[in-house]
């Protein structure tokens, strides 16, 4: 039986526009405990979001 999320995951893994990095990270995460993988993904999202914000702030002209 295939669930909705299983179909979404397969779509990303088979998508020609999804990056290889995303496909590899998703595939490796699926091999792990789902709670541990989700918690690690949240930490990664937080760190990358903060880095992106700092980068964008640094690239904007000073008024």
PDB file of N, CA and C in Angstrom:
ATOM      1  N   UNK A   1       0.841  -1.192   0.000  1.00  0.00           N
ATOM      2  CA  UNK A   1       0.000   0.000   0.000  1.00  0.00           C
ATOM      3  C   UNK A   1       0.880   1.247   0.000  1.00  0.00           C
ATOM      4  N   UNK A   2       0.587   2.149  -0.895  1.00  0.00           N
ATOM      5  CA  UNK A   2       1.368   3.373  -1.016  1.00  0.00           C
ATOM      6  C   UNK A   2       0.584   4.541  -0.423  1.00  0.00           C
ATOM      7  N   UNK A   3       1.217   5.265   0.473  1.00  0.00           N
ATOM      8  CA  UNK A   3       0.559   6.418   1.082  1.00  0.00           C
ATOM      9  C   UNK A   3       0.864   7.671   0.272  1.00  0.00           C
ATOM     10  N   UNK A   4       0.161   8.733   0.607  1.00  0.00           N
ATOM     11  CA  UNK A   4       0.369  10.007  -0.085  1.00  0.00           C
ATOM     12  C   UNK A   4       1.824  10.468   0.044  1.00  0.00           C
ATOM     13  N   UNK A   5       2.381  10.352   1.254  1.00  0.00           N
ATOM     14  CA  UNK A   5       3.760  10.808   1.448  1.00  0.00           C
ATOM     15  C   UNK A   5       4.737   9.936   0.688  1.00  0.00           C
ATOM     16  N   UNK A   6       4.448   8.639   0.573  1.00  0.00           N
ATOM     17  CA  UNK A   6       5.316   7.764  -0.220  1.00  0.00           C
ATOM     18  C   UNK A   6       5.351   8.226  -1.677  1.00  0.00           C
ATOM     19  N   UNK A   7       4.202   8.627  -2.196  1.00  0.00           N
ATOM     20  CA  UNK A   7       4.153   9.118  -3.585  1.00  0.00           C
ATOM     21  C   UNK A   7       4.922  10.429  -3.719  1.00  0.00           C
ATOM     22  N   UNK A   8       4.771  11.317  -2.739  1.00  0.00           N
ATOM     23  CA  UNK A   8       5.504  12.594  -2.779  1.00  0.00           C
ATOM     24  C   UNK A   8       7.011  12.353  -2.750  1.00  0.00           C
ATOM     25  N   UNK A   9       7.440  11.446  -1.903  1.00  0.00           N
ATOM     26  CA  UNK A   9       8.873  11.135  -1.796  1.00  0.00           C
ATOM     27  C   UNK A   9       9.381  10.566  -3.114  1.00  0.00           C
ATOM     28  N   UNK A  10       8.642   9.633  -3.696  1.00  0.00           N
ATOM     29  CA  UNK A  10       9.052   9.054  -4.990  1.00  0.00           C
ATOM     30  C   UNK A  10       9.141  10.135  -6.066  1.00  0.00           C
ATOM     31  N   UNK A  11       8.196  11.072  -6.059  1.00  0.00           N
ATOM     32  CA  UNK A  11       8.225  12.158  -7.052  1.00  0.00           C
ATOM     33  C   UNK A  11       9.504  12.978  -6.925  1.00  0.00           C
ATOM     34  N   UNK A  12       9.899  13.292  -5.700  1.00  0.00           N
ATOM     35  CA  UNK A  12      11.132  14.064  -5.506  1.00  0.00           C
ATOM     36  C   UNK A  12      12.340  13.241  -5.941  1.00  0.00           C
ATOM     37  N   UNK A  13      12.381  11.985  -5.532  1.00  0.00           N
ATOM     38  CA  UNK A  13      13.523  11.139  -5.881  1.00  0.00           C
ATOM     39  C   UNK A  13      13.645  10.922  -7.385  1.00  0.00           C
ATOM     40  N   UNK A  14      12.542  10.970  -8.096  1.00  0.00           N
ATOM     41  CA  UNK A  14      12.554  10.758  -9.548  1.00  0.00           C
ATOM     42  C   UNK A  14      12.525  12.047 -10.358  1.00  0.00           C
ATOM     43  N   UNK A  15      12.467  13.171  -9.691  1.00  0.00           N
ATOM     44  CA  UNK A  15      12.339  14.452 -10.382  1.00  0.00           C
ATOM     45  C   UNK A  15      13.651  14.866 -11.051  1.00  0.00           C
ATOM     46  N   UNK A  16      13.580  15.267 -12.315  1.00  0.00           N
ATOM     47  CA  UNK A  16      14.793  15.741 -12.983  1.00  0.00           C
ATOM     48  C   UNK A  16      15.226  17.136 -12.505  1.00  0.00           C
ATOM     49  N   UNK A  17      14.329  17.854 -11.822  1.00  0.00           N
ATOM     50  CA  UNK A  17      14.682  19.198 -11.361  1.00  0.00           C
ATOM     51  C   UNK A  17      15.158  19.223  -9.909  1.00  0.00           C
ATOM     52  N   UNK A  18      14.930  18.146  -9.165  1.00  0.00           N
ATOM     53  CA  UNK A  18      15.428  18.085  -7.788  1.00  0.00           C
ATOM     54  C   UNK A  18      16.940  17.875  -7.824  1.00  0.00           C
ATOM     55  N   UNK A  19      17.634  18.559  -6.943  1.00  0.00           N
ATOM     56  CA  UNK A  19      19.095  18.452  -6.930  1.00  0.00           C
ATOM     57  C   UNK A  19      19.535  17.069  -6.465  1.00  0.00           C
ATOM     58  N   UNK A  20      20.710  16.678  -6.914  1.00  0.00           N
ATOM     59  CA  UNK A  20      21.290  15.413  -6.465  1.00  0.00           C
ATOM     60  C   UNK A  20      21.507  15.424  -4.962  1.00  0.00           C
ATOM     61  N   UNK A  21      21.874  16.584  -4.423  1.00  0.00           N
ATOM     62  CA  UNK A  21      22.079  16.715  -2.982  1.00  0.00           C
ATOM     63  C   UNK A  21      20.791  16.387  -2.236  1.00  0.00           C
ATOM     64  N   UNK A  22      19.662  16.939  -2.678  1.00  0.00           N
ATOM     65  CA  UNK A  22      18.377  16.683  -2.034  1.00  0.00           C
ATOM     66  C   UNK A  22      17.995  15.213  -2.144  1.00  0.00           C
ATOM     67  N   UNK A  23      18.161  14.650  -3.318  1.00  0.00           N
ATOM     68  CA  UNK A  23      17.812  13.245  -3.516  1.00  0.00           C
ATOM     69  C   UNK A  23      18.660  12.343  -2.620  1.00  0.00           C
ATOM     70  N   UNK A  24      19.948  12.619  -2.531  1.00  0.00           N
ATOM     71  CA  UNK A  24      20.832  11.809  -1.692  1.00  0.00           C
ATOM     72  C   UNK A  24      20.469  11.964  -0.219  1.00  0.00           C
ATOM     73  N   UNK A  25      20.234  13.203   0.213  1.00  0.00           N
ATOM     74  CA  UNK A  25      19.889  13.453   1.617  1.00  0.00           C
ATOM     75  C   UNK A  25      18.562  12.781   1.973  1.00  0.00           C
ATOM     76  N   UNK A  26      17.586  12.877   1.084  1.00  0.00           N
ATOM     77  CA  UNK A  26      16.296  12.244   1.329  1.00  0.00           C
ATOM     78  C   UNK A  26      16.433  10.728   1.384  1.00  0.00           C
ATOM     79  N   UNK A  27      17.155  10.170   0.452  1.00  0.00           N
ATOM     80  CA  UNK A  27      17.357   8.730   0.433  1.00  0.00           C
ATOM     81  C   UNK A  27      18.043   8.228   1.692  1.00  0.00           C
ATOM     82  N   UNK A  28      19.062   8.962   2.125  1.00  0.00           N
ATOM     83  CA  UNK A  28      19.776   8.549   3.342  1.00  0.00           C
ATOM     84  C   UNK A  28      18.909   8.731   4.577  1.00  0.00           C
ATOM     85  N   UNK A  29      18.095   9.785   4.596  1.00  0.00           N
ATOM     86  CA  UNK A  29      17.206  10.021   5.733  1.00  0.00           C
ATOM     87  C   UNK A  29      16.166   8.914   5.859  1.00  0.00           C
ATOM     88  N   UNK A  30      15.727   8.375   4.732  1.00  0.00           N
ATOM     89  CA  UNK A  30      14.723   7.316   4.752  1.00  0.00           C
ATOM     90  C   UNK A  30      15.260   6.023   5.358  1.00  0.00           C
ATOM     91  N   UNK A  31      16.573   5.887   5.418  1.00  0.00           N
ATOM     92  CA  UNK A  31      17.199   4.701   6.007  1.00  0.00           C
ATOM     93  C   UNK A  31      17.313   4.813   7.532  1.00  0.00           C
ATOM     94  N   UNK A  32      17.047   5.996   8.051  1.00  0.00           N
ATOM     95  CA  UNK A  32      17.221   6.266   9.480  1.00  0.00           C
ATOM     96  C   UNK A  32      15.895   6.204  10.221  1.00  0.00           C
ATOM     97  N   UNK A  33      15.977   6.270  11.527  1.00  0.00           N
ATOM     98  CA  UNK A  33      14.784   6.424  12.344  1.00  0.00           C
ATOM     99  C   UNK A  33      14.120   7.734  11.937  1.00  0.00           C
ATOM    100  N   UNK A  34      12.817   7.696  11.676  1.00  0.00           N
ATOM    101  CA  UNK A  34      12.142   8.880  11.124  1.00  0.00           C
ATOM    102  C   UNK A  34      12.154  10.071  12.089  1.00  0.00           C
ATOM    103  N   UNK A  35      12.068   9.826  13.392  1.00  0.00           N
ATOM    104  CA  UNK A  35      12.089  10.927  14.362  1.00  0.00           C
ATOM    105  C   UNK A  35      13.472  11.569  14.402  1.00  0.00           C
ATOM    106  N   UNK A  36      14.512  10.761  14.447  1.00  0.00           N
ATOM    107  CA  UNK A  36      15.877  11.295  14.446  1.00  0.00           C
ATOM    108  C   UNK A  36      16.156  12.078  13.167  1.00  0.00           C
ATOM    109  N   UNK A  37      15.738  11.543  12.036  1.00  0.00           N
ATOM    110  CA  UNK A  37      15.975  12.214  10.760  1.00  0.00           C
ATOM    111  C   UNK A  37      15.223  13.547  10.695  1.00  0.00           C
ATOM    112  N   UNK A  38      13.987  13.557  11.167  1.00  0.00           N
ATOM    113  CA  UNK A  38      13.195  14.794  11.154  1.00  0.00           C
ATOM    114  C   UNK A  38      13.801  15.836  12.090  1.00  0.00           C
ATOM    115  N   UNK A  39      14.259  15.410  13.268  1.00  0.00           N
ATOM    116  CA  UNK A  39      14.894  16.349  14.199  1.00  0.00           C
ATOM    117  C   UNK A  39      16.170  16.937  13.603  1.00  0.00           C
ATOM    118  N   UNK A  40      16.982  16.095  12.980  1.00  0.00           N
ATOM    119  CA  UNK A  40      18.209  16.588  12.345  1.00  0.00           C
ATOM    120  C   UNK A  40      17.885  17.543  11.194  1.00  0.00           C
ATOM    121  N   UNK A  41      16.836  17.240  10.445  1.00  0.00           N
ATOM    122  CA  UNK A  41      16.434  18.105   9.327  1.00  0.00           C
ATOM    123  C   UNK A  41      15.992  19.472   9.841  1.00  0.00           C
ATOM    124  N   UNK A  42      15.325  19.497  10.985  1.00  0.00           N
ATOM    125  CA  UNK A  42      14.911  20.780  11.566  1.00  0.00           C
ATOM    126  C   UNK A  42      16.113  21.612  11.977  1.00  0.00           C
ATOM    127  N   UNK A  43      17.126  20.974  12.558  1.00  0.00           N
ATOM    128  CA  UNK A  43      18.349  21.692  12.937  1.00  0.00           C
ATOM    129  C   UNK A  43      19.036  22.228  11.680  1.00  0.00           C
ATOM    130  N   UNK A  44      19.115  21.402  10.648  1.00  0.00           N
ATOM    131  CA  UNK A  44      19.736  21.818   9.391  1.00  0.00           C
ATOM    132  C   UNK A  44      18.988  23.002   8.789  1.00  0.00           C
ATOM    133  N   UNK A  45      17.656  22.936   8.778  1.00  0.00           N
ATOM    134  CA  UNK A  45      16.853  24.044   8.253  1.00  0.00           C
ATOM    135  C   UNK A  45      17.124  25.333   9.017  1.00  0.00           C
ATOM    136  N   UNK A  46      17.157  25.240  10.340  1.00  0.00           N
ATOM    137  CA  UNK A  46      17.398  26.429  11.160  1.00  0.00           C
ATOM    138  C   UNK A  46      18.763  27.042  10.873  1.00  0.00           C
ATOM    139  N   UNK A  47      19.792  26.208  10.828  1.00  0.00           N
ATOM    140  CA  UNK A  47      21.142  26.715  10.576  1.00  0.00           C
ATOM    141  C   UNK A  47      21.279  27.325   9.183  1.00  0.00           C
ATOM    142  N   UNK A  48      20.751  26.637   8.169  1.00  0.00           N
ATOM    143  CA  UNK A  48      20.863  27.152   6.805  1.00  0.00           C
ATOM    144  C   UNK A  48      20.027  28.411   6.606  1.00  0.00           C
ATOM    145  N   UNK A  49      18.874  28.485   7.266  1.00  0.00           N
ATOM    146  CA  UNK A  49      18.037  29.689   7.174  1.00  0.00           C
ATOM    147  C   UNK A  49      18.750  30.890   7.784  1.00  0.00           C
ATOM    148  N   UNK A  50      19.357  30.677   8.954  1.00  0.00           N
ATOM    149  CA  UNK A  50      20.101  31.764   9.602  1.00  0.00           C
ATOM    150  C   UNK A  50      21.283  32.202   8.744  1.00  0.00           C
ATOM    151  N   UNK A  51      21.979  31.237   8.167  1.00  0.00           N
ATOM    152  CA  UNK A  51      23.126  31.570   7.308  1.00  0.00           C
ATOM    153  C   UNK A  51      22.678  32.359   6.094  1.00  0.00           C
ATOM    154  N   UNK A  52      21.559  31.954   5.518  1.00  0.00           N
ATOM    155  CA  UNK A  52      21.027  32.654   4.357  1.00  0.00           C
ATOM    156  C   UNK A  52      20.632  34.092   4.717  1.00  0.00           C
ATOM    157  N   UNK A  53      19.959  34.251   5.860  1.00  0.00           N
ATOM    158  CA  UNK A  53      19.569  35.594   6.311  1.00  0.00           C
ATOM    159  C   UNK A  53      20.792  36.478   6.495  1.00  0.00           C
ATOM    160  N   UNK A  54      21.826  35.956   7.138  1.00  0.00           N
ATOM    161  CA  UNK A  54      23.040  36.734   7.356  1.00  0.00           C
ATOM    162  C   UNK A  54      23.719  37.086   6.029  1.00  0.00           C
ATOM    163  N   UNK A  55      23.725  36.152   5.108  1.00  0.00           N
ATOM    164  CA  UNK A  55      24.325  36.394   3.815  1.00  0.00           C
ATOM    165  C   UNK A  55      23.573  37.491   3.066  1.00  0.00           C
ATOM    166  N   UNK A  56      22.251  37.406   3.094  1.00  0.00           N
ATOM    167  CA  UNK A  56      21.444  38.411   2.389  1.00  0.00           C
ATOM    168  C   UNK A  56      21.582  39.785   3.038  1.00  0.00           C
ATOM    169  N   UNK A  57      21.637  39.828   4.351  1.00  0.00           N
ATOM    170  CA  UNK A  57      21.816  41.105   5.035  1.00  0.00           C
ATOM    171  C   UNK A  57      23.154  41.721   4.677  1.00  0.00           C
ATOM    172  N   UNK A  58      24.174  40.898   4.570  1.00  0.00           N
ATOM    173  CA  UNK A  58      25.503  41.395   4.246  1.00  0.00           C
ATOM    174  C   UNK A  58      25.629  41.856   2.812  1.00  0.00           C
ATOM    175  N   UNK A  59      24.758  41.351   1.925  1.00  0.00           N
ATOM    176  CA  UNK A  59      24.870  41.714   0.505  1.00  0.00           C
ATOM    177  C   UNK A  59      23.994  42.893   0.137  1.00  0.00           C
ATOM    178  N   UNK A  60      23.136  43.319   1.071  1.00  0.00           N
ATOM    179  CA  UNK A  60      22.266  44.456   0.772  1.00  0.00           C
ATOM    180  C   UNK A  60      23.027  45.754   0.992  1.00  0.00           C
ATOM    181  N   UNK A  61      22.775  46.765   0.155  1.00  0.00           N
ATOM    182  CA  UNK A  61      23.459  48.047   0.350  1.00  0.00           C
ATOM    183  C   UNK A  61      23.027  48.709   1.667  1.00  0.00           C
ATOM    184  N   UNK A  62      23.947  49.393   2.313  1.00  0.00           N
ATOM    185  CA  UNK A  62      23.642  50.101   3.548  1.00  0.00           C
ATOM    186  C   UNK A  62      22.935  51.388   3.199  1.00  0.00           C
ATOM    187  N   UNK A  63      21.793  51.648   3.881  1.00  0.00           N
ATOM    188  CA  UNK A  63      21.036  52.894   3.586  1.00  0.00           C
ATOM    189  C   UNK A  63      21.532  54.055   4.368  1.00  0.00           C
TER     190      UNK A  63
END
